[in-house]
Protein backbone atom coordinates (compact mmCIF):
# COMPACT_ATOMS: atom_id res chain seq x y z
CA UNK A 1 0.00 0.00 0.00
CA UNK A 2 1.20 3.50 -0.74
CA UNK A 3 0.50 6.59 1.34
CA UNK A 4 1.95 10.03 1.85
CA UNK A 5 3.20 10.77 5.35
CA UNK A 6 4.33 14.30 6.17
CA UNK A 7 4.89 15.04 2.43
CA UNK A 8 7.08 11.94 2.12
CA UNK A 9 6.05 8.86 0.18
CA UNK A 10 5.34 5.95 2.54
CA UNK A 11 5.00 2.38 1.38
CA UNK A 12 3.88 -0.42 3.68
CA UNK A 13 5.15 -3.77 2.48
CA UNK A 14 3.36 -7.09 2.94
CA UNK A 15 5.93 -7.97 5.58
CA UNK A 16 4.71 -5.01 7.65
CA UNK A 17 7.90 -3.02 7.09
CA UNK A 18 7.57 0.66 6.24
CA UNK A 19 9.65 2.45 3.64
CA UNK A 20 9.72 6.26 3.87
CA UNK A 21 11.58 8.36 1.30
CA UNK A 22 12.56 12.06 1.37
CA UNK A 23 9.92 14.75 0.76
CA UNK A 24 9.23 15.35 -2.93
CA UNK A 25 8.32 19.04 -2.59
CA UNK A 26 7.99 21.95 -0.20
CA UNK A 27 5.18 21.98 2.34
CA UNK A 28 2.01 23.30 0.73
CA UNK A 29 -0.18 25.76 2.60
CA UNK A 30 -3.87 24.87 2.56
CA UNK A 31 -6.46 27.61 2.17
CA UNK A 32 -8.76 28.10 5.16
CA UNK A 33 -11.82 28.53 2.96
CA UNK A 34 -12.72 25.84 0.45
CA UNK A 35 -13.62 26.56 -3.15
CA UNK A 36 -15.38 23.53 -4.63
CA UNK A 37 -15.63 24.91 -8.16
CA UNK A 38 -11.87 25.61 -8.39
CA UNK A 39 -11.12 22.28 -6.67
CA UNK A 40 -13.04 20.38 -9.36
CA UNK A 41 -11.37 22.49 -12.06
CA UNK A 42 -7.89 21.48 -10.81
CA UNK A 43 -8.89 17.81 -10.74
CA UNK A 44 -10.27 18.03 -14.27
CA UNK A 45 -7.13 19.71 -15.61
CA UNK A 46 -4.98 16.99 -14.07
CA UNK A 47 -7.19 14.18 -15.39
CA UNK A 48 -6.71 15.68 -18.88
CA UNK A 49 -2.93 15.58 -18.40
CA UNK A 50 -2.63 19.38 -18.45
CA UNK A 51 -0.94 19.63 -15.02
CA UNK A 52 1.79 17.71 -13.23
CA UNK A 53 1.15 16.00 -9.89
CA UNK A 54 2.85 18.90 -8.08
CA UNK A 55 0.82 21.51 -9.98
CA UNK A 56 -2.36 19.64 -9.12
CA UNK A 57 -1.29 19.38 -5.46
CA UNK A 58 -0.62 23.12 -5.29
CA UNK A 59 -3.99 23.86 -6.90
CA UNK A 60 -5.84 21.57 -4.50
CA UNK A 61 -4.08 23.10 -1.49
CA UNK A 62 -5.10 26.57 -2.73
CA UNK A 63 -8.73 25.40 -2.74
CA UNK A 64 -8.58 24.06 0.83
CA UNK A 65 -7.84 20.39 0.16
CA UNK A 66 -5.47 18.99 2.77
CA UNK A 67 -5.30 15.34 1.75
CA UNK A 68 -6.81 12.57 -0.31
CA UNK A 69 -7.00 8.87 0.32
CA UNK A 70 -7.47 5.75 -1.77
CA UNK A 71 -9.50 2.81 -0.52
CA UNK A 72 -8.31 -0.16 -2.55
CA UNK A 73 -11.01 -2.43 -1.10
CA UNK A 74 -13.92 -0.16 -2.00
CA UNK A 75 -12.08 1.32 -5.01
CA UNK A 76 -12.82 4.89 -3.95
CA UNK A 77 -10.84 8.11 -3.69
CA UNK A 78 -11.78 10.69 -1.06
CA UNK A 79 -10.61 14.32 -0.91
CA UNK A 80 -10.71 16.11 2.46
CA UNK A 81 -10.77 19.79 3.38
CA UNK A 82 -8.26 20.76 6.06
CA UNK A 83 -11.09 20.78 8.63
CA UNK A 84 -11.74 17.10 7.88
CA UNK A 85 -14.87 17.57 5.77
CA UNK A 86 -15.21 15.29 2.75
CA UNK A 87 -15.15 17.45 -0.38
CA UNK A 88 -15.45 14.60 -2.88
CA UNK A 89 -15.82 10.83 -2.70
CA UNK A 90 -15.56 9.15 -6.08
CA UNK A 91 -15.43 5.60 -7.34
CA UNK A 92 -12.29 4.57 -9.19
CA UNK A 93 -12.77 2.66 -12.41
């Protein structure tokens, strides 16, 4: 399973061991107020291949998104505002 822990990629192996690598980018500041329309715009641009992962991450942070998670059992992806509110829960195809 792959996660991001404190801006650093974290991978948990089947053996239970954890592998943490150095941070890939600077810490991103999350907006206090969410903007759903701009949030969805940044996701759409990235899904079209028009932005890099870092550009998308910066855009999501600017719209109040703090983190997103993947549930590989339910095949869903959930985006959370920095206050913990779910901004989007979508099924992964």
